[in-house]
Amino acid sequence: MSLPNTFSGLVELRPSFAPRPAITHAIFDFDGTLSLIREGWPEVMMGMFEEMIPHRCDDTPESLRQMLYDDMMSLNGKQTIYQMMRYAERVKERGGEALEPLAYKHEYLRRLNVKIGFRLDGLRDGSISPSRYLVPHSIELLENLQARGVKLCLASGTDEVFVKNEAELLGVRRFFGEHIYGAQDQYQNFSKKMIIERTLRENSIQGAQLIAFGDGYVEIQNTKEAGGLAIAVASDEANPGSGRIDAWKRERLVGVGADVVIPDYKDHQPLLRLIFGNPA
């Protein structure tokens, strides 16, 4: 389903899409959905995995990289520790002596900080504008939803302390108030599915009143399972504002039932008008 005269950019309306005027709550993923601070994280994680994985005689560089990439991205949206747990399993399968998943996570975060440290420093001292590391038109989208009376929640697989800090640096923390959730040391105590279920339960709402925005497999799948409207943000993280849909993200997110696919929030106004069925 497409409305080419309505949108100025790429907006893919899937056959499952239908307006949801009763929506009262929205759940957002963070990295890749609102924040671009951690753009490039897959290369950092992949580099560590390739460096440490035991090799077998039947490996090729391509087959090994594809296996690790599939493992990594199939868990995108869950807490980082799950990617490390899967990696530890791969090491053991290959006869290696795996570290504790938490040790892999700490090393990954150390390497990631080397890549993104200057971004955080620039945001803190004001030499970098928050708009540089926001998915385009994020602020306008959040303001639009808030003006409609929609309650906003942020749920990320990144550690909660980092999510809150980075949301503050980007100027979006104010939209979510107390409802910012992220990975915990006791990883069993957090999942996006748990946040979705809690949102429905504590607010006495049905799935049809929920909308979610995300670029990861997990939040789209969990939202659809709950009966919510799932907006796949197939963002081109390396080239924000390009208007291009990331083909790999699109394929994965459509595969778990995304109702809409967008590259960013350029068309948030006509899209929300379509969803809510009003001109607000």
Protein backbone atom coordinates (compact mmCIF):
# COMPACT_ATOMS: atom_id res chain seq x y z
CA MET A 1 0.00 0.00 0.00
CA SER A 2 1.47 3.39 -0.92
CA LEU A 3 0.26 6.94 -1.17
CA PRO A 4 2.81 8.59 -3.48
CA ASN A 5 1.06 11.97 -3.50
CA THR A 6 0.95 12.17 0.30
CA PHE A 7 4.60 11.70 1.24
CA SER A 8 7.61 13.66 0.02
CA GLY A 9 10.04 10.82 0.80
CA LEU A 10 10.07 7.04 0.99
CA VAL A 11 7.27 5.64 3.12
CA GLU A 12 6.28 2.01 2.63
CA LEU A 13 2.85 1.05 3.91
CA ARG A 14 2.62 -2.71 4.25
CA PRO A 15 -0.59 -4.69 3.61
CA SER A 16 -1.05 -5.04 7.37
CA PHE A 17 -1.24 -1.27 7.87
CA ALA A 18 -4.49 0.32 9.00
CA PRO A 19 -5.14 3.61 10.83
CA ARG A 20 -5.13 3.42 14.63
CA PRO A 21 -6.93 6.54 15.91
CA ALA A 22 -7.16 5.09 19.43
CA ILE A 23 -3.37 5.08 20.03
CA THR A 24 -2.47 6.49 23.45
CA HIS A 25 1.08 5.20 24.07
CA ALA A 26 4.28 5.02 22.03
CA ILE A 27 7.43 3.02 22.68
CA PHE A 28 10.73 3.98 21.08
CA ASP A 29 13.95 2.11 20.64
CA PHE A 30 16.98 4.40 21.01
CA ASP A 31 20.08 3.55 18.96
CA GLY A 32 19.35 3.82 15.25
CA THR A 33 15.78 4.90 15.97
CA LEU A 34 16.45 8.24 17.64
CA SER A 35 20.17 8.33 18.38
CA LEU A 36 23.06 8.04 15.94
CA ILE A 37 25.75 8.43 18.61
CA ARG A 38 26.59 4.74 18.38
CA GLU A 39 26.55 4.60 14.58
CA GLY A 40 29.19 2.09 13.51
CA TRP A 41 28.71 -0.25 16.47
CA PRO A 42 28.33 -3.35 14.24
CA GLU A 43 31.82 -2.84 12.82
CA VAL A 44 33.25 -2.52 16.33
CA MET A 45 31.51 -5.67 17.55
CA MET A 46 32.35 -7.60 14.39
CA GLY A 47 36.00 -6.60 14.63
CA MET A 48 36.22 -8.00 18.15
CA PHE A 49 34.39 -11.18 17.21
CA GLU A 50 36.59 -11.86 14.18
CA GLU A 51 39.73 -11.19 16.17
CA MET A 52 38.88 -13.62 18.98
CA ILE A 53 36.97 -16.45 17.25
CA PRO A 54 38.78 -19.82 16.92
CA HIS A 55 39.18 -20.75 13.27
CA ARG A 56 38.37 -24.09 11.64
CA CYS A 57 39.89 -25.56 8.51
CA ASP A 58 36.65 -25.27 6.56
CA ASP A 59 36.22 -21.56 7.31
CA THR A 60 36.42 -18.89 4.68
CA PRO A 61 36.61 -15.22 5.67
CA GLU A 62 33.23 -14.69 4.02
CA SER A 63 31.44 -17.62 5.68
CA LEU A 64 32.85 -16.80 9.10
CA ARG A 65 31.89 -13.16 8.84
CA GLN A 66 28.39 -14.01 7.63
CA MET A 67 27.81 -16.40 10.53
CA LEU A 68 28.94 -13.82 13.08
CA TYR A 69 26.96 -11.04 11.41
CA ASP A 70 23.78 -13.09 11.37
CA ASP A 71 24.22 -13.98 15.05
CA MET A 72 24.85 -10.37 15.94
CA MET A 73 22.01 -8.80 13.99
CA SER A 74 19.39 -11.43 14.83
CA LEU A 75 19.76 -10.28 18.44
CA ASN A 76 19.84 -6.56 17.63
CA GLY A 77 17.39 -4.79 19.92
CA LYS A 78 17.96 -7.17 22.82
CA GLN A 79 20.43 -6.36 25.56
CA THR A 80 24.05 -6.45 24.38
CA ILE A 81 24.78 -9.30 26.76
CA TYR A 82 22.72 -11.67 24.60
CA GLN A 83 25.01 -11.08 21.63
CA MET A 84 27.96 -11.87 23.89
CA MET A 85 26.28 -15.02 25.19
CA ARG A 86 25.76 -16.22 21.63
CA TYR A 87 29.37 -15.42 20.77
CA ALA A 88 30.61 -17.41 23.79
CA GLU A 89 28.58 -20.36 22.50
CA ARG A 90 30.29 -20.05 19.10
CA VAL A 91 33.72 -20.04 20.72
CA LYS A 92 32.89 -23.22 22.65
CA GLU A 93 31.43 -24.90 19.55
CA ARG A 94 34.79 -24.38 17.88
CA GLY A 95 36.77 -25.89 20.72
CA GLY A 96 37.88 -22.62 22.24
CA GLU A 97 37.83 -21.52 25.86
CA ALA A 98 35.21 -18.81 26.06
CA LEU A 99 35.35 -15.87 28.40
CA GLU A 100 32.35 -14.96 30.50
CA PRO A 101 29.84 -13.05 28.34
CA LEU A 102 30.19 -10.05 30.63
CA ALA A 103 33.93 -9.94 29.92
CA TYR A 104 33.22 -9.82 26.19
CA LYS A 105 30.66 -7.08 26.77
CA HIS A 106 33.12 -4.95 28.74
CA GLU A 107 35.76 -5.28 26.03
CA TYR A 108 33.23 -4.40 23.34
CA LEU A 109 32.12 -1.31 25.26
CA ARG A 110 35.75 -0.27 25.74
CA ARG A 111 36.35 -0.48 22.00
CA LEU A 112 33.08 1.27 21.21
CA ASN A 113 33.95 4.14 23.51
CA VAL A 114 37.18 4.67 21.58
CA LYS A 115 35.04 5.17 18.46
CA ILE A 116 32.31 7.37 19.94
CA GLY A 117 34.15 9.18 22.74
CA PHE A 118 34.74 12.32 20.68
CA ARG A 119 31.04 12.44 19.79
CA LEU A 120 30.05 12.39 23.45
CA ASP A 121 32.71 14.98 24.33
CA GLY A 122 31.51 17.27 21.55
CA LEU A 123 27.89 17.00 22.64
CA ARG A 124 28.87 17.77 26.23
CA ASP A 125 30.97 20.85 25.44
CA GLY A 126 28.60 22.14 22.76
CA SER A 127 31.03 21.86 19.86
CA ILE A 128 28.72 19.31 18.23
CA SER A 129 25.02 20.04 17.72
CA PRO A 130 22.62 17.35 18.94
CA SER A 131 21.02 17.37 15.49
CA ARG A 132 24.22 15.81 14.11
CA TYR A 133 23.49 12.59 16.01
CA LEU A 134 19.72 12.44 15.85
CA VAL A 135 17.75 10.57 13.22
CA PRO A 136 16.42 13.48 11.12
CA HIS A 137 13.23 15.13 12.42
CA SER A 138 13.21 13.12 15.66
CA ILE A 139 12.41 16.18 17.78
CA GLU A 140 9.53 17.20 15.53
CA LEU A 141 8.08 13.69 15.67
CA LEU A 142 8.27 13.56 19.47
CA GLU A 143 6.69 17.01 19.75
CA ASN A 144 3.90 15.96 17.38
CA LEU A 145 3.12 12.84 19.38
CA GLN A 146 3.26 14.73 22.66
CA ALA A 147 0.87 17.38 21.28
CA ARG A 148 -1.57 14.58 20.50
CA GLY A 149 -1.47 13.49 24.13
CA VAL A 150 0.46 10.29 23.43
CA LYS A 151 2.52 9.04 26.39
CA LEU A 152 6.09 8.25 25.38
CA CYS A 153 8.40 5.49 26.61
CA LEU A 154 12.02 4.71 25.67
CA ALA A 155 13.28 1.11 25.83
CA SER A 156 16.81 0.23 24.70
CA GLY A 157 19.10 -2.79 24.70
CA THR A 158 21.96 -0.43 25.62
CA ASP A 159 22.79 -0.10 29.33
CA GLU A 160 20.27 2.18 31.02
CA VAL A 161 22.87 4.54 32.47
CA PHE A 162 24.24 5.22 28.98
CA VAL A 163 20.78 5.61 27.45
CA LYS A 164 19.74 8.23 30.00
CA ASN A 165 23.00 10.15 29.60
CA GLU A 166 22.91 10.10 25.79
CA ALA A 167 19.19 10.97 25.69
CA GLU A 168 20.00 14.03 27.81
CA LEU A 169 22.88 15.05 25.52
CA LEU A 170 20.60 14.79 22.49
CA GLY A 171 17.80 16.78 24.09
CA VAL A 172 15.19 14.01 24.00
CA ARG A 173 15.15 12.88 27.62
CA ARG A 174 12.50 15.49 28.47
CA PHE A 175 9.94 13.73 26.28
CA PHE A 176 10.11 10.47 28.25
CA GLY A 177 10.37 11.57 31.88
CA GLU A 178 10.62 8.55 34.15
CA HIS A 179 9.91 6.14 31.33
CA ILE A 180 13.43 5.44 30.08
CA TYR A 181 14.52 1.82 30.35
CA GLY A 182 17.69 0.02 29.33
CA ALA A 183 19.85 -3.00 29.94
CA GLN A 184 20.55 -4.05 33.52
CA ASP A 185 23.42 -5.92 35.17
CA GLN A 186 20.80 -8.50 36.09
CA TYR A 187 19.79 -8.94 32.48
CA GLN A 188 16.80 -11.16 33.36
CA ASN A 189 15.10 -8.10 34.88
CA PHE A 190 14.71 -6.26 31.58
CA SER A 191 13.40 -6.93 28.10
CA LYS A 192 11.42 -4.89 25.60
CA LYS A 193 8.66 -7.46 25.82
CA MET A 194 8.46 -6.84 29.57
CA ILE A 195 8.25 -3.08 29.01
CA ILE A 196 5.47 -3.50 26.44
CA GLU A 197 3.50 -5.81 28.72
CA ARG A 198 3.96 -3.46 31.66
CA THR A 199 2.85 -0.45 29.62
CA LEU A 200 -0.35 -2.24 28.63
CA ARG A 201 -1.01 -3.53 32.13
CA GLU A 202 -0.26 -0.39 34.15
CA ASN A 203 -2.24 1.85 31.81
CA SER A 204 -5.12 -0.60 31.32
CA ILE A 205 -4.86 -0.36 27.56
CA GLN A 206 -5.07 -2.83 24.70
CA GLY A 207 -2.42 -3.53 22.08
CA ALA A 208 -4.41 -1.55 19.52
CA GLN A 209 -3.62 1.59 21.55
CA LEU A 210 0.15 1.10 21.24
CA ILE A 211 2.56 2.25 18.55
CA ALA A 212 6.28 1.43 18.48
CA PHE A 213 9.19 2.85 16.50
CA GLY A 214 12.33 0.77 16.10
CA ASP A 215 15.14 -0.37 13.83
CA GLY A 216 15.64 -3.73 15.53
CA TYR A 217 14.05 -7.13 15.05
CA VAL A 218 13.02 -7.46 18.70
CA GLU A 219 10.88 -4.37 19.26
CA ILE A 220 9.02 -4.86 15.98
CA GLN A 221 8.29 -8.51 16.73
CA ASN A 222 7.26 -7.83 20.34
CA THR A 223 4.97 -4.99 19.30
CA LYS A 224 3.22 -7.10 16.69
CA GLU A 225 2.77 -9.95 19.17
CA ALA A 226 1.05 -7.49 21.52
CA GLY A 227 -1.29 -6.24 18.78
CA GLY A 228 0.40 -2.86 18.37
CA LEU A 229 1.28 -0.83 15.29
CA ALA A 230 4.95 -1.32 14.37
CA ILE A 231 6.90 1.39 12.53
CA ALA A 232 10.19 0.08 11.16
CA VAL A 233 12.82 2.81 11.07
CA ALA A 234 15.20 1.38 8.48
CA SER A 235 17.58 4.28 9.01
CA ASP A 236 20.67 4.91 6.92
CA GLU A 237 22.80 5.58 9.98
CA ALA A 238 26.03 6.39 8.17
CA ASN A 239 24.30 8.97 5.94
CA PRO A 240 21.55 10.66 7.97
CA GLY A 241 19.21 12.68 5.82
CA SER A 242 19.91 10.63 2.69
CA GLY A 243 16.28 9.53 2.64
CA ARG A 244 17.40 6.01 1.75
CA ILE A 245 15.98 2.91 3.40
CA ASP A 246 18.57 0.44 4.66
CA ALA A 247 17.72 -2.68 2.64
CA TRP A 248 19.04 -5.17 5.22
CA LYS A 249 17.05 -3.58 8.04
CA ARG A 250 13.95 -3.42 5.86
CA GLU A 251 14.12 -7.10 4.98
CA ARG A 252 14.51 -8.16 8.60
CA LEU A 253 11.79 -5.86 9.93
CA VAL A 254 9.26 -6.62 7.23
CA GLY A 255 9.94 -10.28 7.96
CA VAL A 256 8.59 -9.89 11.51
CA GLY A 257 5.52 -7.96 10.45
CA ALA A 258 6.37 -4.24 10.35
CA ASP A 259 3.32 -2.23 9.29
CA VAL A 260 5.25 0.77 7.96
CA VAL A 261 8.85 1.22 6.80
CA ILE A 262 10.51 4.64 6.84
CA PRO A 263 14.12 5.90 6.57
CA ASP A 264 13.65 8.77 9.06
CA TYR A 265 10.91 11.13 10.26
CA LYS A 266 10.81 13.61 7.40
CA ASP A 267 7.22 12.60 6.66
CA HIS A 268 6.07 12.37 10.28
CA GLN A 269 3.23 14.86 9.81
CA PRO A 270 1.38 13.12 6.95
CA LEU A 271 2.17 9.72 8.45
CA LEU A 272 0.70 10.61 11.83
CA ARG A 273 -2.32 12.23 10.18
CA LEU A 274 -2.87 8.94 8.33
CA ILE A 275 -2.42 6.87 11.49
CA PHE A 276 -4.65 9.01 13.69
CA GLY A 277 -7.14 9.98 11.00
CA ASN A 278 -7.13 13.66 11.90
CA PRO A 279 -5.31 16.85 10.86
CA ALA A 280 -3.57 17.59 14.18
